[in-house]
Amino acid sequence: MAIAVRVTPRGGRDALTAGTEEHFVARLAAAPVDGAANAGLVALVAKTFGVPKRAVTIVAGETARLKRLHIAGDATTLAEIASALYGPRA
């Protein structure tokens, strides 16, 4: 499954939440120094989606705020978790 995430480093605490229709929003406590924010993002996404860190790969935007990630795993389960982040739809 591929997702897009807009990252805010030094955001106080780690959180992955709904954003726009195009991307999720991630707030990370880590600073964007020596890959710390990217490592924090991978750990956060892995924890949120219930997969090991090795199943999450940054495929685009390594140094940008908007990143594309690939999550390996059961597509149906991952889609349900992604949908749950957005909450119930009206």
C-alpha atoms as a PDB file:
ATOM      1  CA  MET A   1       0.000   0.000   0.000  1.00  0.00           C
ATOM      2  CA  ALA A   2       1.293   3.467  -0.850  1.00  0.00           C
ATOM      3  CA  ILE A   3       0.519   6.537   1.252  1.00  0.00           C
ATOM      4  CA  ALA A   4       1.575  10.179   1.248  1.00  0.00           C
ATOM      5  CA  VAL A   5       2.454  11.936   4.491  1.00  0.00           C
ATOM      6  CA  ARG A   6       3.129  15.609   5.207  1.00  0.00           C
ATOM      7  CA  VAL A   7       5.707  15.721   8.005  1.00  0.00           C
ATOM      8  CA  THR A   8       6.226  18.386  10.663  1.00  0.00           C
ATOM      9  CA  PRO A   9       9.500  17.702  12.500  1.00  0.00           C
ATOM     10  CA  ARG A  10       9.973  19.097  16.016  1.00  0.00           C
ATOM     11  CA  GLY A  11       6.203  18.888  16.393  1.00  0.00           C
ATOM     12  CA  GLY A  12       6.250  18.169  20.109  1.00  0.00           C
ATOM     13  CA  ARG A  13       4.990  14.593  20.101  1.00  0.00           C
ATOM     14  CA  ASP A  14       4.688  11.782  17.587  1.00  0.00           C
ATOM     15  CA  ALA A  15       1.246  11.529  15.981  1.00  0.00           C
ATOM     16  CA  LEU A  16      -0.164  10.374  12.648  1.00  0.00           C
ATOM     17  CA  THR A  17      -3.567  11.867  11.837  1.00  0.00           C
ATOM     18  CA  ALA A  18      -5.908  12.513   8.950  1.00  0.00           C
ATOM     19  CA  GLY A  19      -4.920  15.322   6.644  1.00  0.00           C
ATOM     20  CA  THR A  20      -6.348  16.083   3.237  1.00  0.00           C
ATOM     21  CA  GLU A  21      -7.677  13.589   0.720  1.00  0.00           C
ATOM     22  CA  GLU A  22      -4.152  13.449  -0.743  1.00  0.00           C
ATOM     23  CA  HIS A  23      -2.076  12.849   2.388  1.00  0.00           C
ATOM     24  CA  PHE A  24      -1.885  12.078   6.101  1.00  0.00           C
ATOM     25  CA  VAL A  25      -0.258  14.491   8.568  1.00  0.00           C
ATOM     26  CA  ALA A  26       2.574  13.389  10.850  1.00  0.00           C
ATOM     27  CA  ARG A  27       3.941  15.385  13.769  1.00  0.00           C
ATOM     28  CA  LEU A  28       7.322  14.136  14.956  1.00  0.00           C
ATOM     29  CA  ALA A  29       9.300  15.035  18.057  1.00  0.00           C
ATOM     30  CA  ALA A  30      12.567  14.339  16.212  1.00  0.00           C
ATOM     31  CA  ALA A  31      14.507  17.060  14.428  1.00  0.00           C
ATOM     32  CA  PRO A  32      15.280  16.730  10.707  1.00  0.00           C
ATOM     33  CA  VAL A  33      18.957  16.043  11.418  1.00  0.00           C
ATOM     34  CA  ASP A  34      20.923  12.981  10.274  1.00  0.00           C
ATOM     35  CA  GLY A  35      17.737  11.162   9.226  1.00  0.00           C
ATOM     36  CA  ALA A  36      16.222  11.224  12.735  1.00  0.00           C
ATOM     37  CA  ALA A  37      12.858  12.536  11.523  1.00  0.00           C
ATOM     38  CA  ASN A  38      12.691   9.936   8.729  1.00  0.00           C
ATOM     39  CA  ALA A  39      13.501   7.155  11.205  1.00  0.00           C
ATOM     40  CA  GLY A  40      10.843   8.507  13.554  1.00  0.00           C
ATOM     41  CA  LEU A  41       8.313   8.602  10.714  1.00  0.00           C
ATOM     42  CA  VAL A  42       9.024   4.997   9.732  1.00  0.00           C
ATOM     43  CA  ALA A  43       8.624   3.881  13.360  1.00  0.00           C
ATOM     44  CA  LEU A  44       5.390   5.861  13.771  1.00  0.00           C
ATOM     45  CA  VAL A  45       3.822   4.535  10.571  1.00  0.00           C
ATOM     46  CA  ALA A  46       4.870   0.970  11.428  1.00  0.00           C
ATOM     47  CA  LYS A  47       3.319   1.253  14.892  1.00  0.00           C
ATOM     48  CA  THR A  48       0.110   2.850  13.573  1.00  0.00           C
ATOM     49  CA  PHE A  49      -0.391   0.220  10.868  1.00  0.00           C
ATOM     50  CA  GLY A  50       0.749  -2.704  13.045  1.00  0.00           C
ATOM     51  CA  VAL A  51       3.630  -3.802  10.831  1.00  0.00           C
ATOM     52  CA  PRO A  52       7.364  -4.163  11.522  1.00  0.00           C
ATOM     53  CA  LYS A  53       9.577  -1.160  10.716  1.00  0.00           C
ATOM     54  CA  ARG A  54      11.205  -3.105   7.886  1.00  0.00           C
ATOM     55  CA  ALA A  55       7.798  -3.179   6.130  1.00  0.00           C
ATOM     56  CA  VAL A  56       7.751   0.628   5.786  1.00  0.00           C
ATOM     57  CA  THR A  57       9.898   2.271   3.102  1.00  0.00           C
ATOM     58  CA  ILE A  58      10.226   5.926   2.105  1.00  0.00           C
ATOM     59  CA  VAL A  59      10.020   5.859  -1.695  1.00  0.00           C
ATOM     60  CA  ALA A  60       9.993   9.620  -2.403  1.00  0.00           C
ATOM     61  CA  GLY A  61      10.619  12.854  -0.546  1.00  0.00           C
ATOM     62  CA  GLU A  62      13.556  11.759   1.597  1.00  0.00           C
ATOM     63  CA  THR A  63      14.449  15.423   2.306  1.00  0.00           C
ATOM     64  CA  ALA A  64      11.045  17.025   1.681  1.00  0.00           C
ATOM     65  CA  ARG A  65       8.089  17.620   4.001  1.00  0.00           C
ATOM     66  CA  LEU A  66       5.762  15.643   1.727  1.00  0.00           C
ATOM     67  CA  LYS A  67       6.858  12.016   1.566  1.00  0.00           C
ATOM     68  CA  ARG A  68       5.537   8.935  -0.183  1.00  0.00           C
ATOM     69  CA  LEU A  69       5.806   5.672   1.704  1.00  0.00           C
ATOM     70  CA  HIS A  70       5.210   2.056   0.824  1.00  0.00           C
ATOM     71  CA  ILE A  71       3.790  -0.248   3.502  1.00  0.00           C
ATOM     72  CA  ALA A  72       4.092  -3.987   2.928  1.00  0.00           C
ATOM     73  CA  GLY A  73       1.341  -6.179   4.327  1.00  0.00           C
ATOM     74  CA  ASP A  74      -2.239  -7.276   3.809  1.00  0.00           C
ATOM     75  CA  ALA A  75      -3.806  -4.583   1.611  1.00  0.00           C
ATOM     76  CA  THR A  76      -7.298  -4.997   3.069  1.00  0.00           C
ATOM     77  CA  THR A  77      -6.123  -4.645   6.667  1.00  0.00           C
ATOM     78  CA  LEU A  78      -3.900  -1.663   5.839  1.00  0.00           C
ATOM     79  CA  ALA A  79      -6.758   0.060   3.986  1.00  0.00           C
ATOM     80  CA  GLU A  80      -9.061  -0.440   6.984  1.00  0.00           C
ATOM     81  CA  ILE A  81      -6.505   1.130   9.334  1.00  0.00           C
ATOM     82  CA  ALA A  82      -5.958   4.052   6.944  1.00  0.00           C
ATOM     83  CA  SER A  83      -9.702   4.597   6.695  1.00  0.00           C
ATOM     84  CA  ALA A  84     -10.074   4.465  10.489  1.00  0.00           C
ATOM     85  CA  LEU A  85      -7.570   7.340  10.828  1.00  0.00           C
ATOM     86  CA  TYR A  86     -10.077   9.543   9.001  1.00  0.00           C
ATOM     87  CA  GLY A  87     -12.912   8.494  11.303  1.00  0.00           C
ATOM     88  CA  PRO A  88     -16.541   7.942  10.339  1.00  0.00           C
ATOM     89  CA  ARG A  89     -17.670   9.600   7.136  1.00  0.00           C
ATOM     90  CA  ALA A  90     -20.927  11.537   6.986  1.00  0.00           C
END
